[in-house]
All heavy atoms as atom14 arrays in JSON, in Angstrom:
{
  "sequence": "DYPPGDWTVGGLRDALEGPGEAFTLPTYDDEAAWTALRTDELTREPV",
  "atom14_mask": [
    [1, 1, 1, 1, 1, 1, 1, 1, 0, 0, 0, 0, 0, 0],
    [1, 1, 1, 1, 1, 1, 1, 1, 1, 1, 1, 1, 0, 0],
    [1, 1, 1, 1, 1, 1, 1, 0, 0, 0, 0, 0, 0, 0],
    [1, 1, 1, 1, 1, 1, 1, 0, 0, 0, 0, 0, 0, 0],
    [1, 1, 1, 1, 0, 0, 0, 0, 0, 0, 0, 0, 0, 0],
    [1, 1, 1, 1, 1, 1, 1, 1, 0, 0, 0, 0, 0, 0],
    [1, 1, 1, 1, 1, 1, 1, 1, 1, 1, 1, 1, 1, 1],
    [1, 1, 1, 1, 1, 1, 1, 0, 0, 0, 0, 0, 0, 0],
    [1, 1, 1, 1, 1, 1, 1, 0, 0, 0, 0, 0, 0, 0],
    [1, 1, 1, 1, 0, 0, 0, 0, 0, 0, 0, 0, 0, 0],
    [1, 1, 1, 1, 0, 0, 0, 0, 0, 0, 0, 0, 0, 0],
    [1, 1, 1, 1, 1, 1, 1, 1, 0, 0, 0, 0, 0, 0],
    [1, 1, 1, 1, 1, 1, 1, 1, 1, 1, 1, 0, 0, 0],
    [1, 1, 1, 1, 1, 1, 1, 1, 0, 0, 0, 0, 0, 0],
    [1, 1, 1, 1, 1, 0, 0, 0, 0, 0, 0, 0, 0, 0],
    [1, 1, 1, 1, 1, 1, 1, 1, 0, 0, 0, 0, 0, 0],
    [1, 1, 1, 1, 1, 1, 1, 1, 1, 0, 0, 0, 0, 0],
    [1, 1, 1, 1, 0, 0, 0, 0, 0, 0, 0, 0, 0, 0],
    [1, 1, 1, 1, 1, 1, 1, 0, 0, 0, 0, 0, 0, 0],
    [1, 1, 1, 1, 0, 0, 0, 0, 0, 0, 0, 0, 0, 0],
    [1, 1, 1, 1, 1, 1, 1, 1, 1, 0, 0, 0, 0, 0],
    [1, 1, 1, 1, 1, 0, 0, 0, 0, 0, 0, 0, 0, 0],
    [1, 1, 1, 1, 1, 1, 1, 1, 1, 1, 1, 0, 0, 0],
    [1, 1, 1, 1, 1, 1, 1, 0, 0, 0, 0, 0, 0, 0],
    [1, 1, 1, 1, 1, 1, 1, 1, 0, 0, 0, 0, 0, 0],
    [1, 1, 1, 1, 1, 1, 1, 0, 0, 0, 0, 0, 0, 0],
    [1, 1, 1, 1, 1, 1, 1, 0, 0, 0, 0, 0, 0, 0],
    [1, 1, 1, 1, 1, 1, 1, 1, 1, 1, 1, 1, 0, 0],
    [1, 1, 1, 1, 1, 1, 1, 1, 0, 0, 0, 0, 0, 0],
    [1, 1, 1, 1, 1, 1, 1, 1, 0, 0, 0, 0, 0, 0],
    [1, 1, 1, 1, 1, 1, 1, 1, 1, 0, 0, 0, 0, 0],
    [1, 1, 1, 1, 1, 0, 0, 0, 0, 0, 0, 0, 0, 0],
    [1, 1, 1, 1, 1, 0, 0, 0, 0, 0, 0, 0, 0, 0],
    [1, 1, 1, 1, 1, 1, 1, 1, 1, 1, 1, 1, 1, 1],
    [1, 1, 1, 1, 1, 1, 1, 0, 0, 0, 0, 0, 0, 0],
    [1, 1, 1, 1, 1, 0, 0, 0, 0, 0, 0, 0, 0, 0],
    [1, 1, 1, 1, 1, 1, 1, 1, 0, 0, 0, 0, 0, 0],
    [1, 1, 1, 1, 1, 1, 1, 1, 1, 1, 1, 0, 0, 0],
    [1, 1, 1, 1, 1, 1, 1, 0, 0, 0, 0, 0, 0, 0],
    [1, 1, 1, 1, 1, 1, 1, 1, 0, 0, 0, 0, 0, 0],
    [1, 1, 1, 1, 1, 1, 1, 1, 1, 0, 0, 0, 0, 0],
    [1, 1, 1, 1, 1, 1, 1, 1, 0, 0, 0, 0, 0, 0],
    [1, 1, 1, 1, 1, 1, 1, 0, 0, 0, 0, 0, 0, 0],
    [1, 1, 1, 1, 1, 1, 1, 1, 1, 1, 1, 0, 0, 0],
    [1, 1, 1, 1, 1, 1, 1, 1, 1, 0, 0, 0, 0, 0],
    [1, 1, 1, 1, 1, 1, 1, 0, 0, 0, 0, 0, 0, 0],
    [1, 1, 1, 1, 1, 1, 1, 0, 0, 0, 0, 0, 0, 0]
  ],
  "atom14_positions": [
    [[0.87, -1.17, 0.0], [0.0, 0.0, 0.0], [0.9, 1.22, 0.0], [1.6, 1.49, 0.98], [-0.89, -0.03, 1.24], [-1.85, 1.14, 1.3], [-1.93, 1.9, 0.32], [-2.52, 1.29, 2.33], [0.0, 0.0, 0.0], [0.0, 0.0, 0.0], [0.0, 0.0, 0.0], [0.0, 0.0, 0.0], [0.0, 0.0, 0.0], [0.0, 0.0, 0.0]],
    [[0.89, 1.97, -1.11], [1.84, 3.07, -1.27], [1.13, 4.31, -1.83], [1.14, 4.58, -3.04], [2.99, 2.65, -2.19], [4.1, 3.68, -2.27], [4.88, 3.98, -1.17], [4.34, 4.38, -3.46], [5.88, 4.94, -1.23], [5.35, 5.34, -3.53], [6.1, 5.62, -2.42], [7.1, 6.57, -2.49], [0.0, 0.0, 0.0], [0.0, 0.0, 0.0]],
    [[0.49, 5.08, -0.95], [-0.27, 6.25, -1.41], [0.54, 7.25, -2.25], [-0.04, 7.85, -3.18], [-0.76, 6.88, -0.1], [-0.84, 5.72, 0.85], [0.32, 4.83, 0.49], [0.0, 0.0, 0.0], [0.0, 0.0, 0.0], [0.0, 0.0, 0.0], [0.0, 0.0, 0.0], [0.0, 0.0, 0.0], [0.0, 0.0, 0.0], [0.0, 0.0, 0.0]],
    [[1.83, 7.51, -1.97], [2.55, 8.48, -2.81], [2.6, 8.11, -4.29], [2.85, 8.97, -5.14], [3.95, 8.51, -2.19], [3.74, 8.15, -0.75], [2.66, 7.12, -0.8], [0.0, 0.0, 0.0], [0.0, 0.0, 0.0], [0.0, 0.0, 0.0], [0.0, 0.0, 0.0], [0.0, 0.0, 0.0], [0.0, 0.0, 0.0], [0.0, 0.0, 0.0]],
    [[2.36, 6.83, -4.61], [2.33, 6.44, -6.02], [1.2, 7.09, -6.8], [1.22, 7.09, -8.03], [0.0, 0.0, 0.0], [0.0, 0.0, 0.0], [0.0, 0.0, 0.0], [0.0, 0.0, 0.0], [0.0, 0.0, 0.0], [0.0, 0.0, 0.0], [0.0, 0.0, 0.0], [0.0, 0.0, 0.0], [0.0, 0.0, 0.0], [0.0, 0.0, 0.0]],
    [[0.22, 7.64, -6.09], [-0.92, 8.27, -6.75], [-0.78, 9.8, -6.84], [-1.7, 10.46, -7.33], [-2.21, 7.94, -6.0], [-2.53, 6.46, -6.04], [-2.2, 5.81, -7.06], [-3.1, 5.94, -5.05], [0.0, 0.0, 0.0], [0.0, 0.0, 0.0], [0.0, 0.0, 0.0], [0.0, 0.0, 0.0], [0.0, 0.0, 0.0], [0.0, 0.0, 0.0]],
    [[0.29, 10.35, -6.36], [0.46, 11.79, -6.42], [0.56, 12.26, -7.87], [1.07, 11.54, -8.74], [1.73, 12.22, -5.67], [1.66, 11.98, -4.19], [0.6, 11.54, -3.45], [2.74, 12.14, -3.26], [0.92, 11.44, -2.12], [2.24, 11.81, -1.97], [4.07, 12.54, -3.37], [3.02, 11.86, -0.83], [4.85, 12.59, -2.23], [4.34, 12.26, -0.97]],
    [[0.1, 13.47, -8.12], [0.15, 14.06, -9.46], [0.99, 15.33, -9.45], [1.12, 15.99, -8.41], [-1.26, 14.4, -9.97], [-1.82, 15.43, -9.15], [-2.16, 13.17, -9.95], [0.0, 0.0, 0.0], [0.0, 0.0, 0.0], [0.0, 0.0, 0.0], [0.0, 0.0, 0.0], [0.0, 0.0, 0.0], [0.0, 0.0, 0.0], [0.0, 0.0, 0.0]],
    [[1.51, 15.66, -10.61], [2.32, 16.88, -10.74], [1.47, 18.1, -10.41], [1.91, 19.01, -9.69], [2.92, 16.98, -12.16], [3.57, 18.35, -12.36], [3.93, 15.87, -12.39], [0.0, 0.0, 0.0], [0.0, 0.0, 0.0], [0.0, 0.0, 0.0], [0.0, 0.0, 0.0], [0.0, 0.0, 0.0], [0.0, 0.0, 0.0], [0.0, 0.0, 0.0]],
    [[0.23, 18.12, -10.9], [-0.62, 19.28, -10.66], [-0.91, 19.49, -9.18], [-0.83, 20.61, -8.66], [0.0, 0.0, 0.0], [0.0, 0.0, 0.0], [0.0, 0.0, 0.0], [0.0, 0.0, 0.0], [0.0, 0.0, 0.0], [0.0, 0.0, 0.0], [0.0, 0.0, 0.0], [0.0, 0.0, 0.0], [0.0, 0.0, 0.0], [0.0, 0.0, 0.0]],
    [[-1.24, 18.42, -8.5], [-1.52, 18.54, -7.07], [-0.3, 18.97, -6.28], [-0.4, 19.82, -5.38], [0.0, 0.0, 0.0], [0.0, 0.0, 0.0], [0.0, 0.0, 0.0], [0.0, 0.0, 0.0], [0.0, 0.0, 0.0], [0.0, 0.0, 0.0], [0.0, 0.0, 0.0], [0.0, 0.0, 0.0], [0.0, 0.0, 0.0], [0.0, 0.0, 0.0]],
    [[0.84, 18.4, -6.61], [2.07, 18.79, -5.95], [2.41, 20.25, -6.22], [2.83, 20.98, -5.31], [3.22, 17.89, -6.39], [3.26, 16.48, -5.78], [4.17, 15.57, -6.6], [3.76, 16.55, -4.34], [0.0, 0.0, 0.0], [0.0, 0.0, 0.0], [0.0, 0.0, 0.0], [0.0, 0.0, 0.0], [0.0, 0.0, 0.0], [0.0, 0.0, 0.0]],
    [[2.24, 20.68, -7.47], [2.56, 22.07, -7.8], [1.72, 23.03, -6.99], [2.24, 24.01, -6.42], [2.33, 22.3, -9.3], [2.64, 23.75, -9.74], [2.23, 23.99, -11.17], [0.8, 23.8, -11.35], [0.27, 22.85, -12.13], [1.04, 22.02, -12.8], [-1.05, 22.74, -12.24], [0.0, 0.0, 0.0], [0.0, 0.0, 0.0], [0.0, 0.0, 0.0]],
    [[0.44, 22.76, -6.9], [-0.44, 23.64, -6.14], [-0.01, 23.7, -4.67], [-0.01, 24.77, -4.04], [-1.89, 23.17, -6.24], [-2.45, 23.34, -7.65], [-1.84, 24.08, -8.45], [-3.49, 22.71, -7.94], [0.0, 0.0, 0.0], [0.0, 0.0, 0.0], [0.0, 0.0, 0.0], [0.0, 0.0, 0.0], [0.0, 0.0, 0.0], [0.0, 0.0, 0.0]],
    [[0.35, 22.55, -4.12], [0.76, 22.52, -2.71], [2.08, 23.23, -2.5], [2.27, 23.93, -1.49], [0.85, 21.06, -2.23], [0.0, 0.0, 0.0], [0.0, 0.0, 0.0], [0.0, 0.0, 0.0], [0.0, 0.0, 0.0], [0.0, 0.0, 0.0], [0.0, 0.0, 0.0], [0.0, 0.0, 0.0], [0.0, 0.0, 0.0], [0.0, 0.0, 0.0]],
    [[3.01, 23.06, -3.43], [4.33, 23.68, -3.29], [4.27, 25.19, -3.49], [5.18, 25.91, -3.06], [5.31, 23.05, -4.28], [5.7, 21.6, -3.96], [6.46, 20.98, -5.13], [6.55, 21.53, -2.7], [0.0, 0.0, 0.0], [0.0, 0.0, 0.0], [0.0, 0.0, 0.0], [0.0, 0.0, 0.0], [0.0, 0.0, 0.0], [0.0, 0.0, 0.0]],
    [[3.25, 25.67, -4.15], [3.09, 27.11, -4.32], [2.49, 27.77, -3.09], [2.36, 28.99, -3.02], [2.22, 27.4, -5.55], [2.94, 27.15, -6.86], [2.05, 27.39, -8.07], [0.81, 27.27, -7.91], [2.58, 27.67, -9.16], [0.0, 0.0, 0.0], [0.0, 0.0, 0.0], [0.0, 0.0, 0.0], [0.0, 0.0, 0.0], [0.0, 0.0, 0.0]],
    [[2.13, 26.96, -2.09], [1.54, 27.49, -0.87], [2.59, 28.09, 0.05], [3.76, 28.29, -0.32], [0.0, 0.0, 0.0], [0.0, 0.0, 0.0], [0.0, 0.0, 0.0], [0.0, 0.0, 0.0], [0.0, 0.0, 0.0], [0.0, 0.0, 0.0], [0.0, 0.0, 0.0], [0.0, 0.0, 0.0], [0.0, 0.0, 0.0], [0.0, 0.0, 0.0]],
    [[2.23, 28.36, 1.3], [3.1, 29.1, 2.22], [4.16, 28.24, 2.9], [4.99, 28.77, 3.63], [2.12, 29.65, 3.25], [1.01, 28.64, 3.28], [0.89, 28.12, 1.88], [0.0, 0.0, 0.0], [0.0, 0.0, 0.0], [0.0, 0.0, 0.0], [0.0, 0.0, 0.0], [0.0, 0.0, 0.0], [0.0, 0.0, 0.0], [0.0, 0.0, 0.0]],
    [[4.15, 26.93, 2.69], [5.07, 26.06, 3.41], [6.53, 26.29, 3.05], [6.85, 26.77, 1.96], [0.0, 0.0, 0.0], [0.0, 0.0, 0.0], [0.0, 0.0, 0.0], [0.0, 0.0, 0.0], [0.0, 0.0, 0.0], [0.0, 0.0, 0.0], [0.0, 0.0, 0.0], [0.0, 0.0, 0.0], [0.0, 0.0, 0.0], [0.0, 0.0, 0.0]],
    [[7.42, 25.95, 3.97], [8.86, 26.07, 3.77], [9.49, 24.68, 3.85], [9.21, 23.91, 4.78], [9.49, 26.97, 4.83], [9.05, 28.42, 4.76], [9.64, 29.14, 3.54], [10.67, 28.67, 3.01], [9.06, 30.16, 3.13], [0.0, 0.0, 0.0], [0.0, 0.0, 0.0], [0.0, 0.0, 0.0], [0.0, 0.0, 0.0], [0.0, 0.0, 0.0]],
    [[10.36, 24.37, 2.87], [10.95, 23.04, 2.82], [12.03, 22.85, 3.88], [12.22, 21.74, 4.38], [11.53, 22.77, 1.43], [0.0, 0.0, 0.0], [0.0, 0.0, 0.0], [0.0, 0.0, 0.0], [0.0, 0.0, 0.0], [0.0, 0.0, 0.0], [0.0, 0.0, 0.0], [0.0, 0.0, 0.0], [0.0, 0.0, 0.0], [0.0, 0.0, 0.0]],
    [[12.77, 23.91, 4.21], [13.88, 23.76, 5.14], [13.38, 24.01, 6.55], [13.05, 25.15, 6.92], [15.02, 24.72, 4.78], [16.32, 24.37, 5.46], [17.05, 23.25, 5.07], [16.82, 25.14, 6.5], [18.24, 22.91, 5.69], [18.0, 24.82, 7.13], [18.72, 23.7, 6.73], [0.0, 0.0, 0.0], [0.0, 0.0, 0.0], [0.0, 0.0, 0.0]],
    [[13.31, 22.97, 7.35], [12.72, 23.07, 8.69], [13.77, 23.24, 9.78], [13.41, 23.41, 10.95], [11.91, 21.8, 9.01], [12.8, 20.68, 9.08], [10.85, 21.55, 7.95], [0.0, 0.0, 0.0], [0.0, 0.0, 0.0], [0.0, 0.0, 0.0], [0.0, 0.0, 0.0], [0.0, 0.0, 0.0], [0.0, 0.0, 0.0], [0.0, 0.0, 0.0]],
    [[15.04, 23.19, 9.43], [16.11, 23.26, 10.42], [16.5, 24.71, 10.69], [16.24, 25.6, 9.86], [17.31, 22.47, 9.93], [17.04, 20.96, 9.77], [18.04, 20.34, 8.81], [17.1, 20.27, 11.11], [0.0, 0.0, 0.0], [0.0, 0.0, 0.0], [0.0, 0.0, 0.0], [0.0, 0.0, 0.0], [0.0, 0.0, 0.0], [0.0, 0.0, 0.0]],
    [[17.17, 24.98, 11.79], [17.6, 26.36, 12.06], [18.58, 26.86, 11.0], [19.47, 26.13, 10.54], [18.29, 26.25, 13.42], [17.69, 25.04, 14.07], [17.44, 24.08, 12.94], [0.0, 0.0, 0.0], [0.0, 0.0, 0.0], [0.0, 0.0, 0.0], [0.0, 0.0, 0.0], [0.0, 0.0, 0.0], [0.0, 0.0, 0.0], [0.0, 0.0, 0.0]],
    [[18.4, 28.1, 10.6], [19.37, 28.77, 9.73], [20.32, 29.6, 10.59], [20.2, 29.64, 11.82], [18.65, 29.67, 8.72], [18.02, 30.74, 9.44], [17.61, 28.88, 7.93], [0.0, 0.0, 0.0], [0.0, 0.0, 0.0], [0.0, 0.0, 0.0], [0.0, 0.0, 0.0], [0.0, 0.0, 0.0], [0.0, 0.0, 0.0], [0.0, 0.0, 0.0]],
    [[21.23, 30.27, 9.93], [22.19, 31.11, 10.65], [21.48, 32.12, 11.55], [21.97, 32.45, 12.64], [23.09, 31.82, 9.65], [24.18, 32.67, 10.29], [25.43, 32.15, 10.57], [23.94, 34.01, 10.6], [26.42, 32.93, 11.15], [24.91, 34.8, 11.18], [26.16, 34.25, 11.45], [27.13, 35.02, 12.04], [0.0, 0.0, 0.0], [0.0, 0.0, 0.0]],
    [[20.35, 32.61, 11.1], [19.63, 33.64, 11.86], [19.08, 33.14, 13.19], [18.77, 33.95, 14.08], [18.48, 34.2, 11.02], [18.97, 35.0, 9.82], [20.09, 35.56, 9.92], [18.26, 35.05, 8.81], [0.0, 0.0, 0.0], [0.0, 0.0, 0.0], [0.0, 0.0, 0.0], [0.0, 0.0, 0.0], [0.0, 0.0, 0.0], [0.0, 0.0, 0.0]],
    [[18.94, 31.83, 13.36], [18.37, 31.27, 14.59], [19.46, 31.09, 15.63], [19.83, 29.98, 16.02], [17.69, 29.93, 14.29], [16.55, 30.07, 13.31], [15.78, 31.03, 13.44], [16.44, 29.23, 12.4], [0.0, 0.0, 0.0], [0.0, 0.0, 0.0], [0.0, 0.0, 0.0], [0.0, 0.0, 0.0], [0.0, 0.0, 0.0], [0.0, 0.0, 0.0]],
    [[19.98, 32.22, 16.1], [21.14, 32.19, 16.99], [20.9, 31.35, 18.24], [21.77, 30.6, 18.69], [21.53, 33.62, 17.38], [22.76, 33.69, 18.27], [23.19, 35.12, 18.56], [22.59, 36.05, 17.99], [24.13, 35.29, 19.35], [0.0, 0.0, 0.0], [0.0, 0.0, 0.0], [0.0, 0.0, 0.0], [0.0, 0.0, 0.0], [0.0, 0.0, 0.0]],
    [[19.71, 31.45, 18.81], [19.43, 30.72, 20.05], [19.54, 29.21, 19.85], [20.03, 28.48, 20.74], [18.04, 31.08, 20.55], [0.0, 0.0, 0.0], [0.0, 0.0, 0.0], [0.0, 0.0, 0.0], [0.0, 0.0, 0.0], [0.0, 0.0, 0.0], [0.0, 0.0, 0.0], [0.0, 0.0, 0.0], [0.0, 0.0, 0.0], [0.0, 0.0, 0.0]],
    [[19.11, 28.72, 18.69], [19.16, 27.28, 18.43], [20.59, 26.79, 18.36], [20.93, 25.7, 18.86], [18.42, 26.95, 17.13], [0.0, 0.0, 0.0], [0.0, 0.0, 0.0], [0.0, 0.0, 0.0], [0.0, 0.0, 0.0], [0.0, 0.0, 0.0], [0.0, 0.0, 0.0], [0.0, 0.0, 0.0], [0.0, 0.0, 0.0], [0.0, 0.0, 0.0]],
    [[21.48, 27.58, 17.74], [22.88, 27.18, 17.62], [23.6, 27.31, 18.96], [24.45, 26.47, 19.3], [23.57, 28.0, 16.55], [22.98, 27.77, 15.19], [22.11, 28.58, 14.52], [23.19, 26.63, 14.35], [21.77, 28.03, 13.32], [22.43, 26.83, 13.18], [23.95, 25.47, 14.47], [22.4, 25.91, 12.14], [23.94, 24.53, 13.43], [23.17, 24.76, 12.29]],
    [[23.26, 28.33, 19.72], [23.85, 28.47, 21.06], [23.47, 27.28, 21.94], [24.28, 26.76, 22.71], [23.39, 29.78, 21.71], [23.81, 30.88, 20.9], [23.98, 29.93, 23.11], [0.0, 0.0, 0.0], [0.0, 0.0, 0.0], [0.0, 0.0, 0.0], [0.0, 0.0, 0.0], [0.0, 0.0, 0.0], [0.0, 0.0, 0.0], [0.0, 0.0, 0.0]],
    [[22.22, 26.85, 21.8], [21.76, 25.72, 22.59], [22.56, 24.45, 22.28], [22.85, 23.65, 23.17], [20.28, 25.48, 22.34], [0.0, 0.0, 0.0], [0.0, 0.0, 0.0], [0.0, 0.0, 0.0], [0.0, 0.0, 0.0], [0.0, 0.0, 0.0], [0.0, 0.0, 0.0], [0.0, 0.0, 0.0], [0.0, 0.0, 0.0], [0.0, 0.0, 0.0]],
    [[22.93, 24.27, 21.02], [23.72, 23.09, 20.66], [25.07, 23.08, 21.39], [25.56, 22.02, 21.79], [23.97, 23.04, 19.15], [22.79, 22.73, 18.23], [23.27, 22.67, 16.8], [22.11, 21.42, 18.61], [0.0, 0.0, 0.0], [0.0, 0.0, 0.0], [0.0, 0.0, 0.0], [0.0, 0.0, 0.0], [0.0, 0.0, 0.0], [0.0, 0.0, 0.0]],
    [[25.64, 24.24, 21.54], [26.97, 24.31, 22.17], [26.88, 24.15, 23.68], [27.85, 23.71, 24.32], [27.65, 25.64, 21.83], [29.11, 25.67, 22.23], [29.81, 26.89, 21.7], [31.26, 26.78, 21.83], [32.13, 27.68, 21.4], [31.7, 28.77, 20.78], [33.43, 27.49, 21.54], [0.0, 0.0, 0.0], [0.0, 0.0, 0.0], [0.0, 0.0, 0.0]],
    [[25.76, 24.48, 24.26], [25.65, 24.44, 25.72], [24.91, 23.21, 26.25], [25.06, 22.85, 27.41], [24.93, 25.7, 26.23], [23.65, 25.8, 25.59], [25.75, 26.95, 25.91], [0.0, 0.0, 0.0], [0.0, 0.0, 0.0], [0.0, 0.0, 0.0], [0.0, 0.0, 0.0], [0.0, 0.0, 0.0], [0.0, 0.0, 0.0], [0.0, 0.0, 0.0]],
    [[24.14, 22.58, 25.41], [23.37, 21.42, 25.83], [24.32, 20.25, 26.1], [25.2, 19.94, 25.3], [22.36, 21.04, 24.75], [21.32, 20.06, 25.25], [21.69, 19.02, 25.83], [20.11, 20.33, 25.05], [0.0, 0.0, 0.0], [0.0, 0.0, 0.0], [0.0, 0.0, 0.0], [0.0, 0.0, 0.0], [0.0, 0.0, 0.0], [0.0, 0.0, 0.0]],
    [[24.11, 19.59, 27.24], [24.96, 18.45, 27.59], [24.91, 17.36, 26.53], [25.9, 16.65, 26.3], [24.53, 17.88, 28.94], [25.4, 16.74, 29.45], [24.94, 16.23, 30.8], [24.02, 16.83, 31.38], [25.51, 15.22, 31.26], [0.0, 0.0, 0.0], [0.0, 0.0, 0.0], [0.0, 0.0, 0.0], [0.0, 0.0, 0.0], [0.0, 0.0, 0.0]],
    [[23.78, 17.21, 25.85], [23.63, 16.18, 24.84], [24.55, 16.4, 23.64], [25.15, 15.46, 23.13], [22.17, 16.12, 24.37], [21.85, 15.11, 23.26], [21.97, 13.69, 23.8], [20.46, 15.36, 22.7], [0.0, 0.0, 0.0], [0.0, 0.0, 0.0], [0.0, 0.0, 0.0], [0.0, 0.0, 0.0], [0.0, 0.0, 0.0], [0.0, 0.0, 0.0]],
    [[24.65, 17.64, 23.19], [25.34, 17.93, 21.93], [26.67, 18.66, 22.11], [27.38, 18.9, 21.12], [24.42, 18.78, 21.03], [23.98, 19.94, 21.75], [23.22, 17.97, 20.58], [0.0, 0.0, 0.0], [0.0, 0.0, 0.0], [0.0, 0.0, 0.0], [0.0, 0.0, 0.0], [0.0, 0.0, 0.0], [0.0, 0.0, 0.0], [0.0, 0.0, 0.0]],
    [[27.01, 19.04, 23.34], [28.19, 19.89, 23.54], [29.47, 19.25, 23.0], [30.24, 19.91, 22.29], [28.34, 20.2, 25.04], [29.5, 21.14, 25.35], [29.53, 21.52, 26.83], [29.7, 20.33, 27.67], [28.82, 19.94, 28.58], [27.7, 20.62, 28.78], [29.04, 18.86, 29.33], [0.0, 0.0, 0.0], [0.0, 0.0, 0.0], [0.0, 0.0, 0.0]],
    [[29.72, 17.99, 23.33], [30.99, 17.38, 22.91], [31.11, 17.23, 21.4], [32.15, 17.6, 20.83], [31.16, 16.02, 23.59], [31.56, 16.13, 25.05], [32.0, 14.79, 25.6], [32.99, 14.24, 25.1], [31.33, 14.29, 26.53], [0.0, 0.0, 0.0], [0.0, 0.0, 0.0], [0.0, 0.0, 0.0], [0.0, 0.0, 0.0], [0.0, 0.0, 0.0]],
    [[30.11, 16.7, 20.7], [30.26, 16.64, 19.25], [30.38, 18.0, 18.59], [31.1, 18.16, 17.6], [29.02, 15.88, 18.77], [28.08, 15.87, 19.91], [28.9, 15.98, 21.14], [0.0, 0.0, 0.0], [0.0, 0.0, 0.0], [0.0, 0.0, 0.0], [0.0, 0.0, 0.0], [0.0, 0.0, 0.0], [0.0, 0.0, 0.0], [0.0, 0.0, 0.0]],
    [[29.69, 19.01, 19.14], [29.81, 20.35, 18.57], [31.23, 20.89, 18.78], [31.83, 21.48, 17.87], [28.76, 21.3, 19.17], [29.09, 22.76, 18.85], [27.38, 20.94, 18.65], [0.0, 0.0, 0.0], [0.0, 0.0, 0.0], [0.0, 0.0, 0.0], [0.0, 0.0, 0.0], [0.0, 0.0, 0.0], [0.0, 0.0, 0.0], [0.0, 0.0, 0.0]]
  ]
}
């Protein structure tokens, strides 16, 4: 059962022209998110 096999170009185009954003991760402007990576015990060492 694979619903994405029924997707159409027209339907996708209409959806992609909407307000959604493909990149969901922090960008450079999200300073707080990057600061958190450096200070969080979970991510501090790999960062």
